[in-house]
């Protein structure tokens, strides 16, 4: 559901008791999967239900770095609004943006600081 952006269904499960920070065997949380697959609304709803926007997976990757890598500006904005730190993770979202020349994201990160 997170990968497909099925926000209403996923929200109902979380409200019924599924942990907002539920993760798979690689440490990818519901929010990470929604972010990586470009679902800004799902990201926002999960964050509002308690999902940690900065929680890294087992490789140290954060949802924000994934959204930067995938060039998902709406998801990047949603994660920043939810409190994600662009300097967390390895590589961080800021490092990822520099690596790929995404100057718009770097400007957003500077505004957040």
PDB file of N, CA and C in Angstrom:
ATOM      1  N   UNK A   1       0.815  -1.195   0.000  1.00  0.00           N
ATOM      2  CA  UNK A   1       0.000   0.000   0.000  1.00  0.00           C
ATOM      3  C   UNK A   1       0.859   1.260   0.000  1.00  0.00           C
ATOM      4  N   UNK A   2       1.960   1.249   0.741  1.00  0.00           N
ATOM      5  CA  UNK A   2       2.846   2.413   0.778  1.00  0.00           C
ATOM      6  C   UNK A   2       3.498   2.629  -0.587  1.00  0.00           C
ATOM      7  N   UNK A   3       3.956   1.563  -1.207  1.00  0.00           N
ATOM      8  CA  UNK A   3       4.584   1.659  -2.530  1.00  0.00           C
ATOM      9  C   UNK A   3       3.617   2.177  -3.587  1.00  0.00           C
ATOM     10  N   UNK A   4       2.346   1.843  -3.432  1.00  0.00           N
ATOM     11  CA  UNK A   4       1.338   2.201  -4.425  1.00  0.00           C
ATOM     12  C   UNK A   4       0.611   3.500  -4.101  1.00  0.00           C
ATOM     13  N   UNK A   5       0.893   4.105  -2.949  1.00  0.00           N
ATOM     14  CA  UNK A   5       0.235   5.347  -2.579  1.00  0.00           C
ATOM     15  C   UNK A   5      -1.226   5.168  -2.213  1.00  0.00           C
ATOM     16  N   UNK A   6      -1.557   4.040  -1.669  1.00  0.00           N
ATOM     17  CA  UNK A   6      -2.940   3.766  -1.258  1.00  0.00           C
ATOM     18  C   UNK A   6      -3.152   4.342   0.145  1.00  0.00           C
ATOM     19  N   UNK A   7      -3.193   5.667   0.184  1.00  0.00           N
ATOM     20  CA  UNK A   7      -3.166   6.425   1.429  1.00  0.00           C
ATOM     21  C   UNK A   7      -4.310   6.077   2.368  1.00  0.00           C
ATOM     22  N   UNK A   8      -5.538   6.100   1.881  1.00  0.00           N
ATOM     23  CA  UNK A   8      -6.697   5.876   2.756  1.00  0.00           C
ATOM     24  C   UNK A   8      -6.643   4.497   3.405  1.00  0.00           C
ATOM     25  N   UNK A   9      -6.325   3.478   2.628  1.00  0.00           N
ATOM     26  CA  UNK A   9      -6.246   2.120   3.170  1.00  0.00           C
ATOM     27  C   UNK A   9      -5.137   2.005   4.205  1.00  0.00           C
ATOM     28  N   UNK A  10      -3.979   2.543   3.868  1.00  0.00           N
ATOM     29  CA  UNK A  10      -2.828   2.469   4.760  1.00  0.00           C
ATOM     30  C   UNK A  10      -3.116   3.227   6.051  1.00  0.00           C
ATOM     31  N   UNK A  11      -3.722   4.385   5.924  1.00  0.00           N
ATOM     32  CA  UNK A  11      -4.079   5.195   7.080  1.00  0.00           C
ATOM     33  C   UNK A  11      -5.017   4.406   8.003  1.00  0.00           C
ATOM     34  N   UNK A  12      -5.992   3.727   7.435  1.00  0.00           N
ATOM     35  CA  UNK A  12      -6.931   2.940   8.236  1.00  0.00           C
ATOM     36  C   UNK A  12      -6.203   1.851   9.021  1.00  0.00           C
ATOM     37  N   UNK A  13      -5.230   1.208   8.405  1.00  0.00           N
ATOM     38  CA  UNK A  13      -4.459   0.175   9.106  1.00  0.00           C
ATOM     39  C   UNK A  13      -3.650   0.769  10.250  1.00  0.00           C
ATOM     40  N   UNK A  14      -2.999   1.893  10.003  1.00  0.00           N
ATOM     41  CA  UNK A  14      -2.196   2.527  11.052  1.00  0.00           C
ATOM     42  C   UNK A  14      -3.108   2.987  12.195  1.00  0.00           C
ATOM     43  N   UNK A  15      -4.242   3.580  11.856  1.00  0.00           N
ATOM     44  CA  UNK A  15      -5.175   4.008  12.896  1.00  0.00           C
ATOM     45  C   UNK A  15      -5.736   2.826  13.685  1.00  0.00           C
ATOM     46  N   UNK A  16      -5.774   1.646  13.065  1.00  0.00           N
ATOM     47  CA  UNK A  16      -6.260   0.435  13.735  1.00  0.00           C
ATOM     48  C   UNK A  16      -5.178  -0.252  14.566  1.00  0.00           C
ATOM     49  N   UNK A  17      -3.942   0.242  14.501  1.00  0.00           N
ATOM     50  CA  UNK A  17      -2.896  -0.307  15.354  1.00  0.00           C
ATOM     51  C   UNK A  17      -1.633  -0.780  14.692  1.00  0.00           C
ATOM     52  N   UNK A  18      -1.580  -0.813  13.364  1.00  0.00           N
ATOM     53  CA  UNK A  18      -0.318  -1.153  12.705  1.00  0.00           C
ATOM     54  C   UNK A  18       0.685  -0.049  13.027  1.00  0.00           C
ATOM     55  N   UNK A  19       1.889  -0.392  13.460  1.00  0.00           N
ATOM     56  CA  UNK A  19       2.862   0.641  13.813  1.00  0.00           C
ATOM     57  C   UNK A  19       3.172   1.579  12.644  1.00  0.00           C
ATOM     58  N   UNK A  20       3.152   2.878  12.910  1.00  0.00           N
ATOM     59  CA  UNK A  20       3.439   3.871  11.872  1.00  0.00           C
ATOM     60  C   UNK A  20       4.856   3.707  11.329  1.00  0.00           C
ATOM     61  N   UNK A  21       5.753   3.178  12.155  1.00  0.00           N
ATOM     62  CA  UNK A  21       7.142   2.986  11.735  1.00  0.00           C
ATOM     63  C   UNK A  21       7.444   1.543  11.351  1.00  0.00           C
ATOM     64  N   UNK A  22       6.403   0.806  10.985  1.00  0.00           N
ATOM     65  CA  UNK A  22       6.598  -0.577  10.558  1.00  0.00           C
ATOM     66  C   UNK A  22       7.621  -0.626   9.418  1.00  0.00           C
ATOM     67  N   UNK A  23       8.552  -1.567   9.506  1.00  0.00           N
ATOM     68  CA  UNK A  23       9.576  -1.689   8.479  1.00  0.00           C
ATOM     69  C   UNK A  23       9.715  -3.111   7.983  1.00  0.00           C
ATOM     70  N   UNK A  24      10.349  -3.247   6.835  1.00  0.00           N
ATOM     71  CA  UNK A  24      10.594  -4.576   6.275  1.00  0.00           C
ATOM     72  C   UNK A  24      11.945  -5.105   6.746  1.00  0.00           C
ATOM     73  N   UNK A  25      12.376  -6.215   6.168  1.00  0.00           N
ATOM     74  CA  UNK A  25      13.621  -6.851   6.596  1.00  0.00           C
ATOM     75  C   UNK A  25      14.870  -6.039   6.260  1.00  0.00           C
ATOM     76  N   UNK A  26      14.720  -4.968   5.507  1.00  0.00           N
ATOM     77  CA  UNK A  26      15.851  -4.090   5.168  1.00  0.00           C
ATOM     78  C   UNK A  26      15.792  -2.777   5.950  1.00  0.00           C
ATOM     79  N   UNK A  27      14.789  -2.671   6.821  1.00  0.00           N
ATOM     80  CA  UNK A  27      14.634  -1.459   7.610  1.00  0.00           C
ATOM     81  C   UNK A  27      13.894  -0.350   6.892  1.00  0.00           C
ATOM     82  N   UNK A  28      13.349  -0.632   5.711  1.00  0.00           N
ATOM     83  CA  UNK A  28      12.572   0.368   4.984  1.00  0.00           C
ATOM     84  C   UNK A  28      11.194   0.481   5.629  1.00  0.00           C
ATOM     85  N   UNK A  29      10.872   1.653   6.150  1.00  0.00           N
ATOM     86  CA  UNK A  29       9.583   1.870   6.786  1.00  0.00           C
ATOM     87  C   UNK A  29       8.511   2.152   5.736  1.00  0.00           C
ATOM     88  N   UNK A  30       7.271   2.166   6.191  1.00  0.00           N
ATOM     89  CA  UNK A  30       6.170   2.538   5.306  1.00  0.00           C
ATOM     90  C   UNK A  30       6.421   3.911   4.695  1.00  0.00           C
ATOM     91  N   UNK A  31       6.889   4.840   5.516  1.00  0.00           N
ATOM     92  CA  UNK A  31       7.160   6.185   5.020  1.00  0.00           C
ATOM     93  C   UNK A  31       8.290   6.176   3.991  1.00  0.00           C
ATOM     94  N   UNK A  32       9.327   5.413   4.235  1.00  0.00           N
ATOM     95  CA  UNK A  32      10.431   5.297   3.268  1.00  0.00           C
ATOM     96  C   UNK A  32       9.920   4.779   1.931  1.00  0.00           C
ATOM     97  N   UNK A  33       9.104   3.746   1.964  1.00  0.00           N
ATOM     98  CA  UNK A  33       8.582   3.163   0.727  1.00  0.00           C
ATOM     99  C   UNK A  33       7.679   4.145  -0.009  1.00  0.00           C
ATOM    100  N   UNK A  34       6.840   4.851   0.718  1.00  0.00           N
ATOM    101  CA  UNK A  34       5.970   5.849   0.091  1.00  0.00           C
ATOM    102  C   UNK A  34       6.809   6.971  -0.524  1.00  0.00           C
ATOM    103  N   UNK A  35       7.825   7.413   0.189  1.00  0.00           N
ATOM    104  CA  UNK A  35       8.687   8.497  -0.306  1.00  0.00           C
ATOM    105  C   UNK A  35       9.434   8.065  -1.566  1.00  0.00           C
ATOM    106  N   UNK A  36      10.026   6.900  -1.524  1.00  0.00           N
ATOM    107  CA  UNK A  36      10.836   6.424  -2.644  1.00  0.00           C
ATOM    108  C   UNK A  36       9.998   6.222  -3.905  1.00  0.00           C
ATOM    109  N   UNK A  37       8.718   5.926  -3.707  1.00  0.00           N
ATOM    110  CA  UNK A  37       7.840   5.690  -4.856  1.00  0.00           C
ATOM    111  C   UNK A  37       7.013   6.922  -5.229  1.00  0.00           C
ATOM    112  N   UNK A  38       7.337   8.073  -4.622  1.00  0.00           N
ATOM    113  CA  UNK A  38       6.771   9.336  -5.074  1.00  0.00           C
ATOM    114  C   UNK A  38       5.382   9.690  -4.594  1.00  0.00           C
ATOM    115  N   UNK A  39       4.996   9.229  -3.418  1.00  0.00           N
ATOM    116  CA  UNK A  39       3.642   9.474  -2.920  1.00  0.00           C
ATOM    117  C   UNK A  39       3.648  10.491  -1.779  1.00  0.00           C
ATOM    118  N   UNK A  40       3.641  11.770  -2.141  1.00  0.00           N
ATOM    119  CA  UNK A  40       3.732  12.851  -1.158  1.00  0.00           C
ATOM    120  C   UNK A  40       2.574  12.837  -0.161  1.00  0.00           C
ATOM    121  N   UNK A  41       1.361  12.601  -0.644  1.00  0.00           N
ATOM    122  CA  UNK A  41       0.211  12.590   0.266  1.00  0.00           C
ATOM    123  C   UNK A  41       0.359  11.471   1.300  1.00  0.00           C
ATOM    124  N   UNK A  42       0.784  10.311   0.867  1.00  0.00           N
ATOM    125  CA  UNK A  42       0.974   9.188   1.780  1.00  0.00           C
ATOM    126  C   UNK A  42       2.053   9.519   2.802  1.00  0.00           C
ATOM    127  N   UNK A  43       3.120  10.142   2.355  1.00  0.00           N
ATOM    128  CA  UNK A  43       4.193  10.558   3.259  1.00  0.00           C
ATOM    129  C   UNK A  43       3.641  11.502   4.323  1.00  0.00           C
ATOM    130  N   UNK A  44       2.882  12.506   3.910  1.00  0.00           N
ATOM    131  CA  UNK A  44       2.336  13.487   4.854  1.00  0.00           C
ATOM    132  C   UNK A  44       1.405  12.835   5.872  1.00  0.00           C
ATOM    133  N   UNK A  45       0.543  11.963   5.391  1.00  0.00           N
ATOM    134  CA  UNK A  45      -0.403  11.297   6.296  1.00  0.00           C
ATOM    135  C   UNK A  45       0.336  10.395   7.277  1.00  0.00           C
ATOM    136  N   UNK A  46       1.287   9.620   6.788  1.00  0.00           N
ATOM    137  CA  UNK A  46       2.042   8.745   7.690  1.00  0.00           C
ATOM    138  C   UNK A  46       2.778   9.564   8.751  1.00  0.00           C
ATOM    139  N   UNK A  47       3.373  10.678   8.346  1.00  0.00           N
ATOM    140  CA  UNK A  47       4.072  11.534   9.305  1.00  0.00           C
ATOM    141  C   UNK A  47       3.086  12.085  10.343  1.00  0.00           C
ATOM    142  N   UNK A  48       1.900  12.463   9.892  1.00  0.00           N
ATOM    143  CA  UNK A  48       0.898  12.993  10.833  1.00  0.00           C
ATOM    144  C   UNK A  48       0.421  11.924  11.811  1.00  0.00           C
ATOM    145  N   UNK A  49       0.573  10.663  11.435  1.00  0.00           N
ATOM    146  CA  UNK A  49       0.179   9.544  12.298  1.00  0.00           C
ATOM    147  C   UNK A  49       1.346   9.023  13.148  1.00  0.00           C
ATOM    148  N   UNK A  50       2.472   9.721  13.103  1.00  0.00           N
ATOM    149  CA  UNK A  50       3.587   9.367  13.969  1.00  0.00           C
ATOM    150  C   UNK A  50       4.773   8.703  13.310  1.00  0.00           C
ATOM    151  N   UNK A  51       4.732   8.500  12.006  1.00  0.00           N
ATOM    152  CA  UNK A  51       5.897   7.915  11.324  1.00  0.00           C
ATOM    153  C   UNK A  51       7.059   8.897  11.389  1.00  0.00           C
ATOM    154  N   UNK A  52       8.228   8.400  11.664  1.00  0.00           N
ATOM    155  CA  UNK A  52       9.439   9.216  11.802  1.00  0.00           C
ATOM    156  C   UNK A  52       9.997   9.547  10.424  1.00  0.00           C
ATOM    157  N   UNK A  53       9.955  10.827  10.008  1.00  0.00           N
ATOM    158  CA  UNK A  53      10.431  11.192   8.673  1.00  0.00           C
ATOM    159  C   UNK A  53      11.946  11.098   8.514  1.00  0.00           C
ATOM    160  N   UNK A  54      12.662  10.929   9.608  1.00  0.00           N
ATOM    161  CA  UNK A  54      14.113  10.842   9.534  1.00  0.00           C
ATOM    162  C   UNK A  54      14.672   9.459   9.788  1.00  0.00           C
ATOM    163  N   UNK A  55      13.804   8.508   9.949  1.00  0.00           N
ATOM    164  CA  UNK A  55      14.280   7.153  10.282  1.00  0.00           C
ATOM    165  C   UNK A  55      14.979   6.519   9.081  1.00  0.00           C
ATOM    166  N   UNK A  56      16.231   6.162   9.292  1.00  0.00           N
ATOM    167  CA  UNK A  56      17.053   5.562   8.238  1.00  0.00           C
ATOM    168  C   UNK A  56      16.815   4.053   8.169  1.00  0.00           C
ATOM    169  N   UNK A  57      17.046   3.500   6.986  1.00  0.00           N
ATOM    170  CA  UNK A  57      16.961   2.046   6.833  1.00  0.00           C
ATOM    171  C   UNK A  57      18.281   1.417   7.288  1.00  0.00           C
ATOM    172  N   UNK A  58      18.422   0.127   7.088  1.00  0.00           N
ATOM    173  CA  UNK A  58      19.612  -0.593   7.564  1.00  0.00           C
ATOM    174  C   UNK A  58      20.900  -0.158   6.866  1.00  0.00           C
ATOM    175  N   UNK A  59      20.777   0.515   5.724  1.00  0.00           N
ATOM    176  CA  UNK A  59      21.957   1.012   5.007  1.00  0.00           C
ATOM    177  C   UNK A  59      22.274   2.459   5.365  1.00  0.00           C
ATOM    178  N   UNK A  60      21.500   3.050   6.268  1.00  0.00           N
ATOM    179  CA  UNK A  60      21.718   4.433   6.674  1.00  0.00           C
ATOM    180  C   UNK A  60      21.061   5.452   5.760  1.00  0.00           C
ATOM    181  N   UNK A  61      20.199   5.002   4.863  1.00  0.00           N
ATOM    182  CA  UNK A  61      19.517   5.896   3.926  1.00  0.00           C
ATOM    183  C   UNK A  61      18.221   6.398   4.548  1.00  0.00           C
ATOM    184  N   UNK A  62      17.964   7.691   4.395  1.00  0.00           N
ATOM    185  CA  UNK A  62      16.738   8.282   4.917  1.00  0.00           C
ATOM    186  C   UNK A  62      15.702   8.446   3.805  1.00  0.00           C
ATOM    187  N   UNK A  63      14.429   8.588   4.180  1.00  0.00           N
ATOM    188  CA  UNK A  63      13.409   8.844   3.173  1.00  0.00           C
ATOM    189  C   UNK A  63      13.708  10.101   2.341  1.00  0.00           C
ATOM    190  N   UNK A  64      14.248  11.130   2.975  1.00  0.00           N
ATOM    191  CA  UNK A  64      14.543  12.368   2.259  1.00  0.00           C
ATOM    192  C   UNK A  64      15.639  12.160   1.216  1.00  0.00           C
ATOM    193  N   UNK A  65      16.668  11.435   1.561  1.00  0.00           N
ATOM    194  CA  UNK A  65      17.726  11.154   0.580  1.00  0.00           C
ATOM    195  C   UNK A  65      17.165  10.339  -0.587  1.00  0.00           C
ATOM    196  N   UNK A  66      16.274   9.405  -0.293  1.00  0.00           N
ATOM    197  CA  UNK A  66      15.643   8.620  -1.354  1.00  0.00           C
ATOM    198  C   UNK A  66      14.806   9.476  -2.280  1.00  0.00           C
ATOM    199  N   UNK A  67      14.060  10.417  -1.703  1.00  0.00           N
ATOM    200  CA  UNK A  67      13.222  11.310  -2.514  1.00  0.00           C
ATOM    201  C   UNK A  67      14.073  12.233  -3.382  1.00  0.00           C
ATOM    202  N   UNK A  68      15.203  12.685  -2.850  1.00  0.00           N
ATOM    203  CA  UNK A  68      16.123  13.515  -3.638  1.00  0.00           C
ATOM    204  C   UNK A  68      16.686  12.694  -4.791  1.00  0.00           C
ATOM    205  N   UNK A  69      17.128  11.488  -4.486  1.00  0.00           N
ATOM    206  CA  UNK A  69      17.685  10.605  -5.512  1.00  0.00           C
ATOM    207  C   UNK A  69      16.679  10.349  -6.632  1.00  0.00           C
ATOM    208  N   UNK A  70      15.420  10.140  -6.272  1.00  0.00           N
ATOM    209  CA  UNK A  70      14.380   9.843  -7.257  1.00  0.00           C
ATOM    210  C   UNK A  70      13.790  11.099  -7.913  1.00  0.00           C
ATOM    211  N   UNK A  71      14.280  12.264  -7.526  1.00  0.00           N
ATOM    212  CA  UNK A  71      13.803  13.547  -8.077  1.00  0.00           C
ATOM    213  C   UNK A  71      12.295  13.705  -7.872  1.00  0.00           C
ATOM    214  N   UNK A  72      11.887  13.662  -6.619  1.00  0.00           N
ATOM    215  CA  UNK A  72      10.478  13.773  -6.243  1.00  0.00           C
ATOM    216  C   UNK A  72      10.276  15.046  -5.412  1.00  0.00           C
ATOM    217  N   UNK A  73      10.153  16.214  -6.064  1.00  0.00           N
ATOM    218  CA  UNK A  73      10.081  17.476  -5.316  1.00  0.00           C
ATOM    219  C   UNK A  73       8.910  17.562  -4.337  1.00  0.00           C
ATOM    220  N   UNK A  74       7.750  17.036  -4.679  1.00  0.00           N
ATOM    221  CA  UNK A  74       6.609  17.102  -3.762  1.00  0.00           C
ATOM    222  C   UNK A  74       6.872  16.268  -2.508  1.00  0.00           C
ATOM    223  N   UNK A  75       7.539  15.151  -2.684  1.00  0.00           N
ATOM    224  CA  UNK A  75       7.881  14.303  -1.546  1.00  0.00           C
ATOM    225  C   UNK A  75       8.954  14.982  -0.696  1.00  0.00           C
ATOM    226  N   UNK A  76       9.937  15.598  -1.339  1.00  0.00           N
ATOM    227  CA  UNK A  76      10.975  16.325  -0.603  1.00  0.00           C
ATOM    228  C   UNK A  76      10.320  17.397   0.265  1.00  0.00           C
ATOM    229  N   UNK A  77       9.411  18.174  -0.308  1.00  0.00           N
ATOM    230  CA  UNK A  77       8.699  19.220   0.451  1.00  0.00           C
ATOM    231  C   UNK A  77       7.914  18.613   1.616  1.00  0.00           C
ATOM    232  N   UNK A  78       7.204  17.530   1.361  1.00  0.00           N
ATOM    233  CA  UNK A  78       6.404  16.892   2.409  1.00  0.00           C
ATOM    234  C   UNK A  78       7.290  16.420   3.560  1.00  0.00           C
ATOM    235  N   UNK A  79       8.435  15.859   3.235  1.00  0.00           N
ATOM    236  CA  UNK A  79       9.352  15.374   4.274  1.00  0.00           C
ATOM    237  C   UNK A  79       9.960  16.533   5.062  1.00  0.00           C
ATOM    238  N   UNK A  80      10.325  17.597   4.373  1.00  0.00           N
ATOM    239  CA  UNK A  80      10.856  18.767   5.078  1.00  0.00           C
ATOM    240  C   UNK A  80       9.796  19.350   6.012  1.00  0.00           C
ATOM    241  N   UNK A  81       8.565  19.432   5.534  1.00  0.00           N
ATOM    242  CA  UNK A  81       7.469  19.939   6.373  1.00  0.00           C
ATOM    243  C   UNK A  81       7.223  19.040   7.575  1.00  0.00           C
ATOM    244  N   UNK A  82       7.490  17.756   7.426  1.00  0.00           N
ATOM    245  CA  UNK A  82       7.314  16.801   8.524  1.00  0.00           C
ATOM    246  C   UNK A  82       8.493  16.801   9.489  1.00  0.00           C
ATOM    247  N   UNK A  83       9.538  17.564   9.176  1.00  0.00           N
ATOM    248  CA  UNK A  83      10.678  17.684  10.080  1.00  0.00           C
ATOM    249  C   UNK A  83      11.905  16.885   9.719  1.00  0.00           C
ATOM    250  N   UNK A  84      11.956  16.311   8.523  1.00  0.00           N
ATOM    251  CA  UNK A  84      13.142  15.551   8.118  1.00  0.00           C
ATOM    252  C   UNK A  84      14.363  16.468   8.055  1.00  0.00           C
ATOM    253  N   UNK A  85      15.487  15.965   8.498  1.00  0.00           N
ATOM    254  CA  UNK A  85      16.740  16.726   8.499  1.00  0.00           C
ATOM    255  C   UNK A  85      17.551  16.353   7.264  1.00  0.00           C
ATOM    256  N   UNK A  86      17.833  17.320   6.381  1.00  0.00           N
ATOM    257  CA  UNK A  86      18.562  17.022   5.153  1.00  0.00           C
ATOM    258  C   UNK A  86      20.021  16.630   5.361  1.00  0.00           C
ATOM    259  N   UNK A  87      20.497  16.727   6.601  1.00  0.00           N
ATOM    260  CA  UNK A  87      21.901  16.407   6.871  1.00  0.00           C
ATOM    261  C   UNK A  87      22.060  15.072   7.602  1.00  0.00           C
ATOM    262  N   UNK A  88      20.954  14.365   7.826  1.00  0.00           N
ATOM    263  CA  UNK A  88      21.005  13.034   8.447  1.00  0.00           C
ATOM    264  C   UNK A  88      21.197  11.966   7.378  1.00  0.00           C
ATOM    265  N   UNK A  89      21.721  10.825   7.805  1.00  0.00           N
ATOM    266  CA  UNK A  89      21.852   9.673   6.911  1.00  0.00           C
ATOM    267  C   UNK A  89      23.176   9.636   6.179  1.00  0.00           C
ATOM    268  N   UNK A  90      23.397   8.526   5.501  1.00  0.00           N
ATOM    269  CA  UNK A  90      24.646   8.333   4.768  1.00  0.00           C
ATOM    270  C   UNK A  90      24.359   7.617   3.452  1.00  0.00           C
ATOM    271  N   UNK A  91      24.444   8.291   2.340  1.00  0.00           N
ATOM    272  CA  UNK A  91      24.677   9.721   2.244  1.00  0.00           C
ATOM    273  C   UNK A  91      23.422  10.498   2.632  1.00  0.00           C
ATOM    274  N   UNK A  92      23.634  11.698   3.111  1.00  0.00           N
ATOM    275  CA  UNK A  92      22.502  12.538   3.497  1.00  0.00           C
ATOM    276  C   UNK A  92      21.789  13.054   2.249  1.00  0.00           C
ATOM    277  N   UNK A  93      20.615  13.623   2.456  1.00  0.00           N
ATOM    278  CA  UNK A  93      19.872  14.225   1.339  1.00  0.00           C
ATOM    279  C   UNK A  93      20.676  15.375   0.735  1.00  0.00           C
ATOM    280  N   UNK A  94      21.350  16.145   1.585  1.00  0.00           N
ATOM    281  CA  UNK A  94      22.167  17.260   1.089  1.00  0.00           C
ATOM    282  C   UNK A  94      23.328  16.737   0.242  1.00  0.00           C
ATOM    283  N   UNK A  95      23.983  15.689   0.705  1.00  0.00           N
ATOM    284  CA  UNK A  95      25.077  15.102  -0.072  1.00  0.00           C
ATOM    285  C   UNK A  95      24.563  14.537  -1.392  1.00  0.00           C
ATOM    286  N   UNK A  96      23.409  13.910  -1.357  1.00  0.00           N
ATOM    287  CA  UNK A  96      22.809  13.354  -2.575  1.00  0.00           C
ATOM    288  C   UNK A  96      22.474  14.472  -3.558  1.00  0.00           C
ATOM    289  N   UNK A  97      21.906  15.551  -3.058  1.00  0.00           N
ATOM    290  CA  UNK A  97      21.565  16.689  -3.923  1.00  0.00           C
ATOM    291  C   UNK A  97      22.821  17.284  -4.555  1.00  0.00           C
ATOM    292  N   UNK A  98      23.887  17.422  -3.777  1.00  0.00           N
ATOM    293  CA  UNK A  98      25.152  17.943  -4.327  1.00  0.00           C
ATOM    294  C   UNK A  98      25.706  16.993  -5.383  1.00  0.00           C
ATOM    295  N   UNK A  99      25.657  15.701  -5.099  1.00  0.00           N
ATOM    296  CA  UNK A  99      26.200  14.690  -6.005  1.00  0.00           C
ATOM    297  C   UNK A  99      25.522  14.751  -7.381  1.00  0.00           C
ATOM    298  N   UNK A 100      24.212  14.996  -7.385  1.00  0.00           N
ATOM    299  CA  UNK A 100      23.459  14.992  -8.637  1.00  0.00           C
ATOM    300  C   UNK A 100      23.144  16.390  -9.158  1.00  0.00           C
ATOM    301  N   UNK A 101      23.695  17.419  -8.525  1.00  0.00           N
ATOM    302  CA  UNK A 101      23.511  18.784  -8.999  1.00  0.00           C
ATOM    303  C   UNK A 101      22.105  19.325  -8.843  1.00  0.00           C
ATOM    304  N   UNK A 102      21.380  18.866  -7.819  1.00  0.00           N
ATOM    305  CA  UNK A 102      20.016  19.337  -7.574  1.00  0.00           C
ATOM    306  C   UNK A 102      20.066  20.605  -6.713  1.00  0.00           C
ATOM    307  N   UNK A 103      20.383  21.714  -7.364  1.00  0.00           N
ATOM    308  CA  UNK A 103      20.568  22.975  -6.639  1.00  0.00           C
ATOM    309  C   UNK A 103      19.277  23.484  -6.000  1.00  0.00           C
ATOM    310  N   UNK A 104      18.124  23.183  -6.609  1.00  0.00           N
ATOM    311  CA  UNK A 104      16.851  23.609  -6.029  1.00  0.00           C
ATOM    312  C   UNK A 104      16.679  22.998  -4.634  1.00  0.00           C
ATOM    313  N   UNK A 105      16.959  21.715  -4.504  1.00  0.00           N
ATOM    314  CA  UNK A 105      16.830  21.060  -3.205  1.00  0.00           C
ATOM    315  C   UNK A 105      17.829  21.650  -2.208  1.00  0.00           C
ATOM    316  N   UNK A 106      19.045  21.904  -2.662  1.00  0.00           N
ATOM    317  CA  UNK A 106      20.041  22.490  -1.762  1.00  0.00           C
ATOM    318  C   UNK A 106      19.570  23.836  -1.235  1.00  0.00           C
ATOM    319  N   UNK A 107      18.919  24.625  -2.087  1.00  0.00           N
ATOM    320  CA  UNK A 107      18.372  25.912  -1.650  1.00  0.00           C
ATOM    321  C   UNK A 107      17.277  25.682  -0.599  1.00  0.00           C
ATOM    322  N   UNK A 108      16.433  24.678  -0.808  1.00  0.00           N
ATOM    323  CA  UNK A 108      15.388  24.385   0.174  1.00  0.00           C
ATOM    324  C   UNK A 108      16.015  23.990   1.506  1.00  0.00           C
ATOM    325  N   UNK A 109      17.088  23.210   1.461  1.00  0.00           N
ATOM    326  CA  UNK A 109      17.729  22.748   2.690  1.00  0.00           C
ATOM    327  C   UNK A 109      18.344  23.921   3.438  1.00  0.00           C
ATOM    328  N   UNK A 110      18.893  24.883   2.721  1.00  0.00           N
ATOM    329  CA  UNK A 110      19.478  26.064   3.331  1.00  0.00           C
ATOM    330  C   UNK A 110      18.392  26.895   4.007  1.00  0.00           C
ATOM    331  N   UNK A 111      17.232  27.005   3.368  1.00  0.00           N
ATOM    332  CA  UNK A 111      16.111  27.746   3.946  1.00  0.00           C
ATOM    333  C   UNK A 111      15.640  27.101   5.243  1.00  0.00           C
ATOM    334  N   UNK A 112      15.716  25.765   5.306  1.00  0.00           N
ATOM    335  CA  UNK A 112      15.268  25.036   6.488  1.00  0.00           C
ATOM    336  C   UNK A 112      16.207  25.263   7.658  1.00  0.00           C
ATOM    337  N   UNK A 113      17.488  25.405   7.380  1.00  0.00           N
ATOM    338  CA  UNK A 113      18.507  25.499   8.430  1.00  0.00           C
ATOM    339  C   UNK A 113      18.396  26.734   9.282  1.00  0.00           C
TER     340      UNK A 113
END
